[in-house]
PDB file of N, CA and C in Angstrom:
ATOM      1  N   UNK A   1       0.833  -1.157  -0.016  1.00  0.00           N
ATOM      2  CA  UNK A   1      -0.009   0.004   0.005  1.00  0.00           C
ATOM      3  C   UNK A   1       0.859   1.237   0.001  1.00  0.00           C
ATOM      4  N   UNK A   2       0.268   2.359  -0.344  1.00  0.00           N
ATOM      5  CA  UNK A   2       1.006   3.627  -0.398  1.00  0.00           C
ATOM      6  C   UNK A   2       1.416   4.044   1.025  1.00  0.00           C
ATOM      7  N   UNK A   3       2.695   4.362   1.167  1.00  0.00           N
ATOM      8  CA  UNK A   3       3.194   4.901   2.433  1.00  0.00           C
ATOM      9  C   UNK A   3       4.107   6.064   2.204  1.00  0.00           C
ATOM     10  N   UNK A   4       3.957   7.087   3.000  1.00  0.00           N
ATOM     11  CA  UNK A   4       4.849   8.248   3.004  1.00  0.00           C
ATOM     12  C   UNK A   4       5.277   8.432   4.460  1.00  0.00           C
ATOM     13  N   UNK A   5       6.617   8.407   4.675  1.00  0.00           N
ATOM     14  CA  UNK A   5       7.114   8.441   6.045  1.00  0.00           C
ATOM     15  C   UNK A   5       8.080   9.651   6.150  1.00  0.00           C
ATOM     16  N   UNK A   6       7.681  10.655   6.906  1.00  0.00           N
ATOM     17  CA  UNK A   6       8.511  11.843   7.102  1.00  0.00           C
ATOM     18  C   UNK A   6       9.466  11.646   8.297  1.00  0.00           C
ATOM     19  N   UNK A   7      10.589  12.344   8.270  1.00  0.00           N
ATOM     20  CA  UNK A   7      11.529  12.368   9.383  1.00  0.00           C
ATOM     21  C   UNK A   7      12.305  13.619   9.328  1.00  0.00           C
ATOM     22  N   UNK A   8      13.001  13.935  10.442  1.00  0.00           N
ATOM     23  CA  UNK A   8      13.877  15.074  10.503  1.00  0.00           C
ATOM     24  C   UNK A   8      13.377  16.237  11.338  1.00  0.00           C
ATOM     25  N   UNK A   9      12.128  16.222  11.769  1.00  0.00           N
ATOM     26  CA  UNK A   9      11.621  17.291  12.580  1.00  0.00           C
ATOM     27  C   UNK A   9      12.215  17.217  13.983  1.00  0.00           C
ATOM     28  N   UNK A  10      12.459  18.387  14.547  1.00  0.00           N
ATOM     29  CA  UNK A  10      13.013  18.461  15.886  1.00  0.00           C
ATOM     30  C   UNK A  10      12.914  19.908  16.412  1.00  0.00           C
ATOM     31  N   UNK A  11      13.399  20.146  17.569  1.00  0.00           N
ATOM     32  CA  UNK A  11      13.471  21.491  18.104  1.00  0.00           C
ATOM     33  C   UNK A  11      14.748  22.167  17.586  1.00  0.00           C
ATOM     34  N   UNK A  12      14.572  23.392  17.089  1.00  0.00           N
ATOM     35  CA  UNK A  12      15.705  24.132  16.528  1.00  0.00           C
ATOM     36  C   UNK A  12      15.579  25.601  16.967  1.00  0.00           C
ATOM     37  N   UNK A  13      16.704  26.246  17.144  1.00  0.00           N
ATOM     38  CA  UNK A  13      16.686  27.628  17.522  1.00  0.00           C
ATOM     39  C   UNK A  13      16.418  28.561  16.337  1.00  0.00           C
ATOM     40  N   UNK A  14      15.846  29.721  16.600  1.00  0.00           N
ATOM     41  CA  UNK A  14      15.680  30.687  15.490  1.00  0.00           C
ATOM     42  C   UNK A  14      16.968  30.952  14.748  1.00  0.00           C
ATOM     43  N   UNK A  15      16.836  30.980  13.419  1.00  0.00           N
ATOM     44  CA  UNK A  15      18.022  31.142  12.573  1.00  0.00           C
ATOM     45  C   UNK A  15      18.707  29.835  12.185  1.00  0.00           C
ATOM     46  N   UNK A  16      18.228  28.736  12.761  1.00  0.00           N
ATOM     47  CA  UNK A  16      18.836  27.434  12.461  1.00  0.00           C
ATOM     48  C   UNK A  16      18.314  26.809  11.157  1.00  0.00           C
ATOM     49  N   UNK A  17      18.880  25.677  10.887  1.00  0.00           N
ATOM     50  CA  UNK A  17      18.518  24.932   9.648  1.00  0.00           C
ATOM     51  C   UNK A  17      18.104  23.497  10.002  1.00  0.00           C
ATOM     52  N   UNK A  18      17.304  22.931   9.128  1.00  0.00           N
ATOM     53  CA  UNK A  18      16.872  21.523   9.225  1.00  0.00           C
ATOM     54  C   UNK A  18      16.662  20.963   7.832  1.00  0.00           C
ATOM     55  N   UNK A  19      16.853  19.663   7.708  1.00  0.00           N
ATOM     56  CA  UNK A  19      16.460  19.002   6.476  1.00  0.00           C
ATOM     57  C   UNK A  19      15.469  17.888   6.821  1.00  0.00           C
ATOM     58  N   UNK A  20      14.303  17.995   6.242  1.00  0.00           N
ATOM     59  CA  UNK A  20      13.284  16.972   6.358  1.00  0.00           C
ATOM     60  C   UNK A  20      13.364  15.974   5.194  1.00  0.00           C
ATOM     61  N   UNK A  21      13.043  14.740   5.491  1.00  0.00           N
ATOM     62  CA  UNK A  21      13.022  13.697   4.449  1.00  0.00           C
ATOM     63  C   UNK A  21      11.654  13.008   4.440  1.00  0.00           C
ATOM     64  N   UNK A  22      11.254  12.544   3.291  1.00  0.00           N
ATOM     65  CA  UNK A  22      10.050  11.785   3.168  1.00  0.00           C
ATOM     66  C   UNK A  22      10.335  10.574   2.229  1.00  0.00           C
ATOM     67  N   UNK A  23      10.203   9.395   2.767  1.00  0.00           N
ATOM     68  CA  UNK A  23      10.450   8.214   1.991  1.00  0.00           C
ATOM     69  C   UNK A  23       9.159   7.623   1.556  1.00  0.00           C
ATOM     70  N   UNK A  24       9.018   7.357   0.285  1.00  0.00           N
ATOM     71  CA  UNK A  24       7.754   6.824  -0.281  1.00  0.00           C
ATOM     72  C   UNK A  24       7.898   5.352  -0.621  1.00  0.00           C
ATOM     73  N   UNK A  25       6.812   4.634  -0.572  1.00  0.00           N
ATOM     74  CA  UNK A  25       6.744   3.263  -0.988  1.00  0.00           C
ATOM     75  C   UNK A  25       5.329   2.929  -1.423  1.00  0.00           C
ATOM     76  N   UNK A  26       5.232   1.825  -2.198  1.00  0.00           N
ATOM     77  CA  UNK A  26       3.890   1.335  -2.568  1.00  0.00           C
ATOM     78  C   UNK A  26       3.341   1.936  -3.848  1.00  0.00           C
ATOM     79  N   UNK A  27       4.133   2.764  -4.535  1.00  0.00           N
ATOM     80  CA  UNK A  27       3.682   3.335  -5.814  1.00  0.00           C
ATOM     81  C   UNK A  27       4.898   3.751  -6.618  1.00  0.00           C
ATOM     82  N   UNK A  28       4.648   4.077  -7.870  1.00  0.00           N
ATOM     83  CA  UNK A  28       5.758   4.486  -8.772  1.00  0.00           C
ATOM     84  C   UNK A  28       6.113   5.929  -8.508  1.00  0.00           C
ATOM     85  N   UNK A  29       7.090   6.114  -7.684  1.00  0.00           N
ATOM     86  CA  UNK A  29       7.391   7.452  -7.146  1.00  0.00           C
ATOM     87  C   UNK A  29       7.618   8.488  -8.283  1.00  0.00           C
ATOM     88  N   UNK A  30       8.356   8.067  -9.304  1.00  0.00           N
ATOM     89  CA  UNK A  30       8.792   9.051 -10.319  1.00  0.00           C
ATOM     90  C   UNK A  30       7.676   9.522 -11.211  1.00  0.00           C
ATOM     91  N   UNK A  31       6.469   8.996 -10.999  1.00  0.00           N
ATOM     92  CA  UNK A  31       5.317   9.438 -11.801  1.00  0.00           C
ATOM     93  C   UNK A  31       4.418  10.428 -11.053  1.00  0.00           C
ATOM     94  N   UNK A  32       4.810  10.771  -9.813  1.00  0.00           N
ATOM     95  CA  UNK A  32       3.947  11.625  -8.992  1.00  0.00           C
ATOM     96  C   UNK A  32       4.727  12.902  -8.603  1.00  0.00           C
ATOM     97  N   UNK A  33       3.966  14.025  -8.639  1.00  0.00           N
ATOM     98  CA  UNK A  33       4.480  15.254  -8.051  1.00  0.00           C
ATOM     99  C   UNK A  33       4.411  15.108  -6.552  1.00  0.00           C
ATOM    100  N   UNK A  34       5.386  15.739  -5.858  1.00  0.00           N
ATOM    101  CA  UNK A  34       5.455  15.632  -4.441  1.00  0.00           C
ATOM    102  C   UNK A  34       5.481  17.012  -3.821  1.00  0.00           C
ATOM    103  N   UNK A  35       4.922  17.141  -2.630  1.00  0.00           N
ATOM    104  CA  UNK A  35       4.882  18.443  -1.980  1.00  0.00           C
ATOM    105  C   UNK A  35       5.114  18.314  -0.498  1.00  0.00           C
ATOM    106  N   UNK A  36       5.570  19.398   0.083  1.00  0.00           N
ATOM    107  CA  UNK A  36       5.668  19.526   1.543  1.00  0.00           C
ATOM    108  C   UNK A  36       4.638  20.536   1.957  1.00  0.00           C
ATOM    109  N   UNK A  37       3.891  20.190   2.988  1.00  0.00           N
ATOM    110  CA  UNK A  37       2.854  21.047   3.543  1.00  0.00           C
ATOM    111  C   UNK A  37       3.122  21.182   5.029  1.00  0.00           C
ATOM    112  N   UNK A  38       2.500  22.165   5.653  1.00  0.00           N
ATOM    113  CA  UNK A  38       2.621  22.266   7.078  1.00  0.00           C
ATOM    114  C   UNK A  38       1.304  22.734   7.738  1.00  0.00           C
ATOM    115  N   UNK A  39       1.141  22.372   8.952  1.00  0.00           N
ATOM    116  CA  UNK A  39      -0.051  22.809   9.679  1.00  0.00           C
ATOM    117  C   UNK A  39       0.369  23.246  11.063  1.00  0.00           C
ATOM    118  N   UNK A  40       0.163  24.489  11.355  1.00  0.00           N
ATOM    119  CA  UNK A  40       0.431  25.024  12.663  1.00  0.00           C
ATOM    120  C   UNK A  40      -0.798  24.926  13.538  1.00  0.00           C
ATOM    121  N   UNK A  41      -0.655  24.924  14.830  1.00  0.00           N
ATOM    122  CA  UNK A  41      -1.806  24.835  15.731  1.00  0.00           C
ATOM    123  C   UNK A  41      -2.854  25.884  15.426  1.00  0.00           C
ATOM    124  N   UNK A  42      -4.109  25.424  15.218  1.00  0.00           N
ATOM    125  CA  UNK A  42      -5.170  26.352  14.983  1.00  0.00           C
ATOM    126  C   UNK A  42      -5.270  26.883  13.598  1.00  0.00           C
ATOM    127  N   UNK A  43      -4.407  26.419  12.715  1.00  0.00           N
ATOM    128  CA  UNK A  43      -4.414  26.870  11.327  1.00  0.00           C
ATOM    129  C   UNK A  43      -4.658  25.752  10.329  1.00  0.00           C
ATOM    130  N   UNK A  44      -4.992  26.113   9.106  1.00  0.00           N
ATOM    131  CA  UNK A  44      -5.189  25.124   8.071  1.00  0.00           C
ATOM    132  C   UNK A  44      -3.848  24.652   7.525  1.00  0.00           C
ATOM    133  N   UNK A  45      -3.891  23.447   6.975  1.00  0.00           N
ATOM    134  CA  UNK A  45      -2.719  22.916   6.290  1.00  0.00           C
ATOM    135  C   UNK A  45      -2.419  23.723   5.053  1.00  0.00           C
ATOM    136  N   UNK A  46      -1.185  24.052   4.848  1.00  0.00           N
ATOM    137  CA  UNK A  46      -0.817  24.924   3.724  1.00  0.00           C
ATOM    138  C   UNK A  46       0.355  24.345   2.967  1.00  0.00           C
ATOM    139  N   UNK A  47       0.424  24.652   1.666  1.00  0.00           N
ATOM    140  CA  UNK A  47       1.542  24.223   0.880  1.00  0.00           C
ATOM    141  C   UNK A  47       2.777  25.067   1.232  1.00  0.00           C
ATOM    142  N   UNK A  48       3.880  24.353   1.402  1.00  0.00           N
ATOM    143  CA  UNK A  48       5.192  24.995   1.611  1.00  0.00           C
ATOM    144  C   UNK A  48       5.985  24.990   0.333  1.00  0.00           C
ATOM    145  N   UNK A  49       6.097  23.792  -0.274  1.00  0.00           N
ATOM    146  CA  UNK A  49       6.912  23.662  -1.510  1.00  0.00           C
ATOM    147  C   UNK A  49       6.473  22.407  -2.245  1.00  0.00           C
ATOM    148  N   UNK A  50       6.636  22.418  -3.517  1.00  0.00           N
ATOM    149  CA  UNK A  50       6.281  21.237  -4.329  1.00  0.00           C
ATOM    150  C   UNK A  50       7.238  21.126  -5.462  1.00  0.00           C
ATOM    151  N   UNK A  51       7.466  19.892  -5.931  1.00  0.00           N
ATOM    152  CA  UNK A  51       8.208  19.751  -7.177  1.00  0.00           C
ATOM    153  C   UNK A  51       7.547  18.702  -8.066  1.00  0.00           C
ATOM    154  N   UNK A  52       7.828  18.835  -9.325  1.00  0.00           N
ATOM    155  CA  UNK A  52       7.218  17.943 -10.330  1.00  0.00           C
ATOM    156  C   UNK A  52       7.847  16.545 -10.241  1.00  0.00           C
ATOM    157  N   UNK A  53       7.241  15.608 -10.940  1.00  0.00           N
ATOM    158  CA  UNK A  53       7.691  14.228 -10.875  1.00  0.00           C
ATOM    159  C   UNK A  53       9.151  14.031 -11.251  1.00  0.00           C
ATOM    160  N   UNK A  54       9.570  14.828 -12.224  1.00  0.00           N
ATOM    161  CA  UNK A  54      10.982  14.750 -12.634  1.00  0.00           C
ATOM    162  C   UNK A  54      11.881  15.650 -11.846  1.00  0.00           C
ATOM    163  N   UNK A  55      11.289  16.481 -10.980  1.00  0.00           N
ATOM    164  CA  UNK A  55      12.060  17.424 -10.215  1.00  0.00           C
ATOM    165  C   UNK A  55      12.436  18.670 -10.971  1.00  0.00           C
ATOM    166  N   UNK A  56      11.972  18.801 -12.192  1.00  0.00           N
ATOM    167  CA  UNK A  56      12.396  19.921 -13.047  1.00  0.00           C
ATOM    168  C   UNK A  56      11.757  21.262 -12.742  1.00  0.00           C
ATOM    169  N   UNK A  57      10.617  21.254 -12.099  1.00  0.00           N
ATOM    170  CA  UNK A  57       9.959  22.500 -11.743  1.00  0.00           C
ATOM    171  C   UNK A  57       9.575  22.464 -10.259  1.00  0.00           C
ATOM    172  N   UNK A  58       9.538  23.670  -9.651  1.00  0.00           N
ATOM    173  CA  UNK A  58       9.206  23.792  -8.245  1.00  0.00           C
ATOM    174  C   UNK A  58       8.251  24.915  -8.027  1.00  0.00           C
ATOM    175  N   UNK A  59       7.573  24.873  -6.886  1.00  0.00           N
ATOM    176  CA  UNK A  59       6.671  25.914  -6.469  1.00  0.00           C
ATOM    177  C   UNK A  59       6.864  26.135  -4.997  1.00  0.00           C
ATOM    178  N   UNK A  60       6.923  27.406  -4.578  1.00  0.00           N
ATOM    179  CA  UNK A  60       7.133  27.703  -3.163  1.00  0.00           C
ATOM    180  C   UNK A  60       6.068  28.709  -2.663  1.00  0.00           C
ATOM    181  N   UNK A  61       5.693  28.507  -1.420  1.00  0.00           N
ATOM    182  CA  UNK A  61       4.889  29.542  -0.772  1.00  0.00           C
ATOM    183  C   UNK A  61       5.792  30.758  -0.545  1.00  0.00           C
ATOM    184  N   UNK A  62       5.168  31.924  -0.503  1.00  0.00           N
ATOM    185  CA  UNK A  62       5.997  33.152  -0.292  1.00  0.00           C
ATOM    186  C   UNK A  62       6.844  33.082   0.948  1.00  0.00           C
ATOM    187  N   UNK A  63       6.287  32.442   1.987  1.00  0.00           N
ATOM    188  CA  UNK A  63       7.014  32.354   3.233  1.00  0.00           C
ATOM    189  C   UNK A  63       8.248  31.456   3.137  1.00  0.00           C
ATOM    190  N   UNK A  64       8.284  30.630   2.119  1.00  0.00           N
ATOM    191  CA  UNK A  64       9.396  29.649   1.958  1.00  0.00           C
ATOM    192  C   UNK A  64      10.433  30.119   0.948  1.00  0.00           C
ATOM    193  N   UNK A  65      10.090  31.024   0.099  1.00  0.00           N
ATOM    194  CA  UNK A  65      10.966  31.481  -0.948  1.00  0.00           C
ATOM    195  C   UNK A  65      12.257  32.038  -0.313  1.00  0.00           C
ATOM    196  N   UNK A  66      13.399  31.710  -0.871  1.00  0.00           N
ATOM    197  CA  UNK A  66      14.706  32.151  -0.471  1.00  0.00           C
ATOM    198  C   UNK A  66      15.192  31.526   0.831  1.00  0.00           C
ATOM    199  N   UNK A  67      14.349  30.688   1.456  1.00  0.00           N
ATOM    200  CA  UNK A  67      14.806  30.056   2.699  1.00  0.00           C
ATOM    201  C   UNK A  67      14.764  28.505   2.593  1.00  0.00           C
ATOM    202  N   UNK A  68      13.774  27.996   1.858  1.00  0.00           N
ATOM    203  CA  UNK A  68      13.567  26.532   1.809  1.00  0.00           C
ATOM    204  C   UNK A  68      13.888  26.064   0.373  1.00  0.00           C
ATOM    205  N   UNK A  69      14.343  24.791   0.320  1.00  0.00           N
ATOM    206  CA  UNK A  69      14.611  24.168  -0.971  1.00  0.00           C
ATOM    207  C   UNK A  69      14.063  22.747  -0.971  1.00  0.00           C
ATOM    208  N   UNK A  70      13.175  22.476  -1.968  1.00  0.00           N
ATOM    209  CA  UNK A  70      12.668  21.148  -2.130  1.00  0.00           C
ATOM    210  C   UNK A  70      13.456  20.414  -3.197  1.00  0.00           C
ATOM    211  N   UNK A  71      13.752  19.138  -2.920  1.00  0.00           N
ATOM    212  CA  UNK A  71      14.452  18.354  -3.872  1.00  0.00           C
ATOM    213  C   UNK A  71      14.014  16.895  -3.769  1.00  0.00           C
ATOM    214  N   UNK A  72      14.350  16.080  -4.749  1.00  0.00           N
ATOM    215  CA  UNK A  72      13.967  14.656  -4.693  1.00  0.00           C
ATOM    216  C   UNK A  72      15.041  13.821  -5.332  1.00  0.00           C
ATOM    217  N   UNK A  73      15.103  12.615  -4.840  1.00  0.00           N
ATOM    218  CA  UNK A  73      15.959  11.583  -5.467  1.00  0.00           C
ATOM    219  C   UNK A  73      15.036  10.411  -5.833  1.00  0.00           C
ATOM    220  N   UNK A  74      14.696  10.350  -7.095  1.00  0.00           N
ATOM    221  CA  UNK A  74      13.753   9.346  -7.531  1.00  0.00           C
ATOM    222  C   UNK A  74      14.298   7.921  -7.368  1.00  0.00           C
ATOM    223  N   UNK A  75      15.594   7.752  -7.474  1.00  0.00           N
ATOM    224  CA  UNK A  75      16.196   6.423  -7.322  1.00  0.00           C
ATOM    225  C   UNK A  75      16.082   5.924  -5.876  1.00  0.00           C
ATOM    226  N   UNK A  76      15.817   6.871  -4.937  1.00  0.00           N
ATOM    227  CA  UNK A  76      15.701   6.506  -3.510  1.00  0.00           C
ATOM    228  C   UNK A  76      14.275   6.721  -3.001  1.00  0.00           C
ATOM    229  N   UNK A  77      13.358   7.044  -3.940  1.00  0.00           N
ATOM    230  CA  UNK A  77      11.955   7.308  -3.545  1.00  0.00           C
ATOM    231  C   UNK A  77      11.823   8.301  -2.396  1.00  0.00           C
ATOM    232  N   UNK A  78      12.624   9.361  -2.450  1.00  0.00           N
ATOM    233  CA  UNK A  78      12.720  10.260  -1.319  1.00  0.00           C
ATOM    234  C   UNK A  78      12.607  11.708  -1.827  1.00  0.00           C
ATOM    235  N   UNK A  79      11.863  12.524  -1.050  1.00  0.00           N
ATOM    236  CA  UNK A  79      11.792  13.942  -1.281  1.00  0.00           C
ATOM    237  C   UNK A  79      12.265  14.643  -0.019  1.00  0.00           C
ATOM    238  N   UNK A  80      13.008  15.738  -0.221  1.00  0.00           N
ATOM    239  CA  UNK A  80      13.619  16.473   0.874  1.00  0.00           C
ATOM    240  C   UNK A  80      13.075  17.891   0.964  1.00  0.00           C
ATOM    241  N   UNK A  81      13.186  18.449   2.138  1.00  0.00           N
ATOM    242  CA  UNK A  81      12.951  19.882   2.301  1.00  0.00           C
ATOM    243  C   UNK A  81      14.057  20.439   3.150  1.00  0.00           C
ATOM    244  N   UNK A  82      14.936  21.181   2.550  1.00  0.00           N
ATOM    245  CA  UNK A  82      16.025  21.881   3.265  1.00  0.00           C
ATOM    246  C   UNK A  82      15.504  23.223   3.685  1.00  0.00           C
ATOM    247  N   UNK A  83      15.572  23.503   4.995  1.00  0.00           N
ATOM    248  CA  UNK A  83      15.053  24.742   5.528  1.00  0.00           C
ATOM    249  C   UNK A  83      16.166  25.524   6.214  1.00  0.00           C
ATOM    250  N   UNK A  84      16.276  26.776   5.878  1.00  0.00           N
ATOM    251  CA  UNK A  84      17.285  27.671   6.466  1.00  0.00           C
ATOM    252  C   UNK A  84      16.610  28.844   7.155  1.00  0.00           C
ATOM    253  N   UNK A  85      17.337  29.480   8.052  1.00  0.00           N
ATOM    254  CA  UNK A  85      16.874  30.689   8.735  1.00  0.00           C
ATOM    255  C   UNK A  85      15.482  30.446   9.298  1.00  0.00           C
ATOM    256  N   UNK A  86      15.291  29.375  10.023  1.00  0.00           N
ATOM    257  CA  UNK A  86      13.972  29.071  10.598  1.00  0.00           C
ATOM    258  C   UNK A  86      13.585  30.089  11.630  1.00  0.00           C
ATOM    259  N   UNK A  87      12.305  30.376  11.664  1.00  0.00           N
ATOM    260  CA  UNK A  87      11.754  31.330  12.579  1.00  0.00           C
ATOM    261  C   UNK A  87      10.591  30.696  13.364  1.00  0.00           C
ATOM    262  N   UNK A  88      10.244  31.282  14.520  1.00  0.00           N
ATOM    263  CA  UNK A  88       9.150  30.706  15.323  1.00  0.00           C
ATOM    264  C   UNK A  88       7.863  30.463  14.522  1.00  0.00           C
ATOM    265  N   UNK A  89       7.605  31.305  13.566  1.00  0.00           N
ATOM    266  CA  UNK A  89       6.365  31.125  12.770  1.00  0.00           C
ATOM    267  C   UNK A  89       6.419  29.915  11.833  1.00  0.00           C
ATOM    268  N   UNK A  90       7.600  29.319  11.731  1.00  0.00           N
ATOM    269  CA  UNK A  90       7.734  28.071  10.948  1.00  0.00           C
ATOM    270  C   UNK A  90       7.357  26.837  11.803  1.00  0.00           C
ATOM    271  N   UNK A  91       7.098  27.032  13.027  1.00  0.00           N
ATOM    272  CA  UNK A  91       6.707  25.911  13.895  1.00  0.00           C
ATOM    273  C   UNK A  91       5.413  25.302  13.395  1.00  0.00           C
ATOM    274  N   UNK A  92       5.443  23.990  13.155  1.00  0.00           N
ATOM    275  CA  UNK A  92       4.248  23.304  12.597  1.00  0.00           C
ATOM    276  C   UNK A  92       4.602  21.854  12.458  1.00  0.00           C
ATOM    277  N   UNK A  93       3.577  21.057  12.174  1.00  0.00           N
ATOM    278  CA  UNK A  93       3.785  19.694  11.719  1.00  0.00           C
ATOM    279  C   UNK A  93       3.913  19.750  10.187  1.00  0.00           C
ATOM    280  N   UNK A  94       4.975  19.137   9.701  1.00  0.00           N
ATOM    281  CA  UNK A  94       5.266  19.187   8.276  1.00  0.00           C
ATOM    282  C   UNK A  94       4.886  17.790   7.700  1.00  0.00           C
ATOM    283  N   UNK A  95       4.144  17.826   6.634  1.00  0.00           N
ATOM    284  CA  UNK A  95       3.668  16.617   5.953  1.00  0.00           C
ATOM    285  C   UNK A  95       4.163  16.606   4.484  1.00  0.00           C
ATOM    286  N   UNK A  96       4.427  15.402   4.026  1.00  0.00           N
ATOM    287  CA  UNK A  96       4.628  15.274   2.600  1.00  0.00           C
ATOM    288  C   UNK A  96       3.370  14.665   1.998  1.00  0.00           C
ATOM    289  N   UNK A  97       3.141  14.985   0.758  1.00  0.00           N
ATOM    290  CA  UNK A  97       1.944  14.461   0.066  1.00  0.00           C
ATOM    291  C   UNK A  97       2.265  14.235  -1.394  1.00  0.00           C
ATOM    292  N   UNK A  98       1.552  13.303  -1.981  1.00  0.00           N
ATOM    293  CA  UNK A  98       1.754  13.004  -3.396  1.00  0.00           C
ATOM    294  C   UNK A  98       0.537  13.481  -4.163  1.00  0.00           C
ATOM    295  N   UNK A  99       0.788  14.000  -5.373  1.00  0.00           N
ATOM    296  CA  UNK A  99      -0.306  14.446  -6.247  1.00  0.00           C
ATOM    297  C   UNK A  99      -0.032  13.962  -7.642  1.00  0.00           C
ATOM    298  N   UNK A 100      -1.058  13.452  -8.281  1.00  0.00           N
ATOM    299  CA  UNK A 100      -0.871  13.020  -9.687  1.00  0.00           C
ATOM    300  C   UNK A 100      -0.954  14.244 -10.597  1.00  0.00           C
ATOM    301  N   UNK A 101      -1.821  15.202 -10.221  1.00  0.00           N
ATOM    302  CA  UNK A 101      -1.901  16.448 -10.977  1.00  0.00           C
ATOM    303  C   UNK A 101      -1.196  17.575 -10.266  1.00  0.00           C
ATOM    304  N   UNK A 102      -0.505  18.388 -11.015  1.00  0.00           N
ATOM    305  CA  UNK A 102       0.349  19.423 -10.451  1.00  0.00           C
ATOM    306  C   UNK A 102      -0.431  20.401  -9.598  1.00  0.00           C
ATOM    307  N   UNK A 103       0.006  20.591  -8.387  1.00  0.00           N
ATOM    308  CA  UNK A 103      -0.502  21.550  -7.396  1.00  0.00           C
ATOM    309  C   UNK A 103      -1.974  21.263  -6.968  1.00  0.00           C
ATOM    310  N   UNK A 104      -2.405  20.055  -7.248  1.00  0.00           N
ATOM    311  CA  UNK A 104      -3.708  19.609  -6.707  1.00  0.00           C
ATOM    312  C   UNK A 104      -3.501  19.052  -5.340  1.00  0.00           C
ATOM    313  N   UNK A 105      -4.538  19.059  -4.545  1.00  0.00           N
ATOM    314  CA  UNK A 105      -4.460  18.527  -3.176  1.00  0.00           C
ATOM    315  C   UNK A 105      -4.012  17.074  -3.231  1.00  0.00           C
ATOM    316  N   UNK A 106      -3.079  16.713  -2.425  1.00  0.00           N
ATOM    317  CA  UNK A 106      -2.564  15.317  -2.422  1.00  0.00           C
ATOM    318  C   UNK A 106      -3.654  14.305  -2.070  1.00  0.00           C
ATOM    319  N   UNK A 107      -3.500  13.114  -2.669  1.00  0.00           N
ATOM    320  CA  UNK A 107      -4.417  12.036  -2.367  1.00  0.00           C
ATOM    321  C   UNK A 107      -3.881  11.132  -1.243  1.00  0.00           C
ATOM    322  N   UNK A 108      -2.598  11.235  -0.960  1.00  0.00           N
ATOM    323  CA  UNK A 108      -2.041  10.499   0.186  1.00  0.00           C
ATOM    324  C   UNK A 108      -1.077  11.444   0.931  1.00  0.00           C
ATOM    325  N   UNK A 109      -1.127  11.246   2.245  1.00  0.00           N
ATOM    326  CA  UNK A 109      -0.286  12.042   3.156  1.00  0.00           C
ATOM    327  C   UNK A 109       0.535  11.161   4.040  1.00  0.00           C
ATOM    328  N   UNK A 110       1.680  11.653   4.474  1.00  0.00           N
ATOM    329  CA  UNK A 110       2.375  10.987   5.584  1.00  0.00           C
ATOM    330  C   UNK A 110       1.760  11.383   6.900  1.00  0.00           C
ATOM    331  N   UNK A 111       2.345  10.880   7.994  1.00  0.00           N
ATOM    332  CA  UNK A 111       1.833  11.184   9.307  1.00  0.00           C
ATOM    333  C   UNK A 111       2.405  12.471   9.889  1.00  0.00           C
ATOM    334  N   UNK A 112       3.404  13.031   9.219  1.00  0.00           N
ATOM    335  CA  UNK A 112       3.928  14.316   9.625  1.00  0.00           C
ATOM    336  C   UNK A 112       5.126  14.218  10.570  1.00  0.00           C
ATOM    337  N   UNK A 113       5.895  15.277  10.590  1.00  0.00           N
ATOM    338  CA  UNK A 113       7.029  15.418  11.500  1.00  0.00           C
ATOM    339  C   UNK A 113       7.009  16.801  12.073  1.00  0.00           C
ATOM    340  N   UNK A 114       7.208  16.904  13.381  1.00  0.00           N
ATOM    341  CA  UNK A 114       7.038  18.183  14.084  1.00  0.00           C
ATOM    342  C   UNK A 114       8.306  19.005  14.080  1.00  0.00           C
ATOM    343  N   UNK A 115       8.211  20.211  13.596  1.00  0.00           N
ATOM    344  CA  UNK A 115       9.304  21.164  13.654  1.00  0.00           C
ATOM    345  C   UNK A 115       8.918  22.257  14.635  1.00  0.00           C
ATOM    346  N   UNK A 116       9.760  22.434  15.630  1.00  0.00           N
ATOM    347  CA  UNK A 116       9.520  23.485  16.627  1.00  0.00           C
ATOM    348  C   UNK A 116      10.745  24.449  16.626  1.00  0.00           C
ATOM    349  N   UNK A 117      10.436  25.716  16.379  1.00  0.00           N
ATOM    350  CA  UNK A 117      11.489  26.724  16.346  1.00  0.00           C
ATOM    351  C   UNK A 117      11.313  27.630  17.583  1.00  0.00           C
ATOM    352  N   UNK A 118      12.260  27.486  18.450  1.00  0.00           N
ATOM    353  CA  UNK A 118      12.144  28.228  19.731  1.00  0.00           C
ATOM    354  C   UNK A 118      13.542  28.345  20.381  1.00  0.00           C
ATOM    355  N   UNK A 119      13.718  29.439  21.099  1.00  0.00           N
ATOM    356  CA  UNK A 119      14.957  29.597  21.835  1.00  0.00           C
ATOM    357  C   UNK A 119      14.794  29.080  23.262  1.00  0.00           C
TER     358      UNK A 119
END
């Protein structure tokens, strides 16, 4: 069955960096667009970054531009989110999701990984 497993979330100080990973299984990874989303307490889940199946195109939320980088290694069925200059407002549960159509709501989600930015 389809599985998406995120990892890498932890407590980090403001200004710090983290790299999140999402390992996929149960489907042909290289045929799906992948995205990172986040949900902060009391807020809706929002897109952070996405890339196309081949990794050739990307999309970022304004809050992520110039700080976050999404990448993927199709041979390892893995998508990454490199985050720099993290701020308290980046605190959220981060989820990866797969989409067959570009920038459409994912049909499968991982269970999420918690990123807490605090001093």
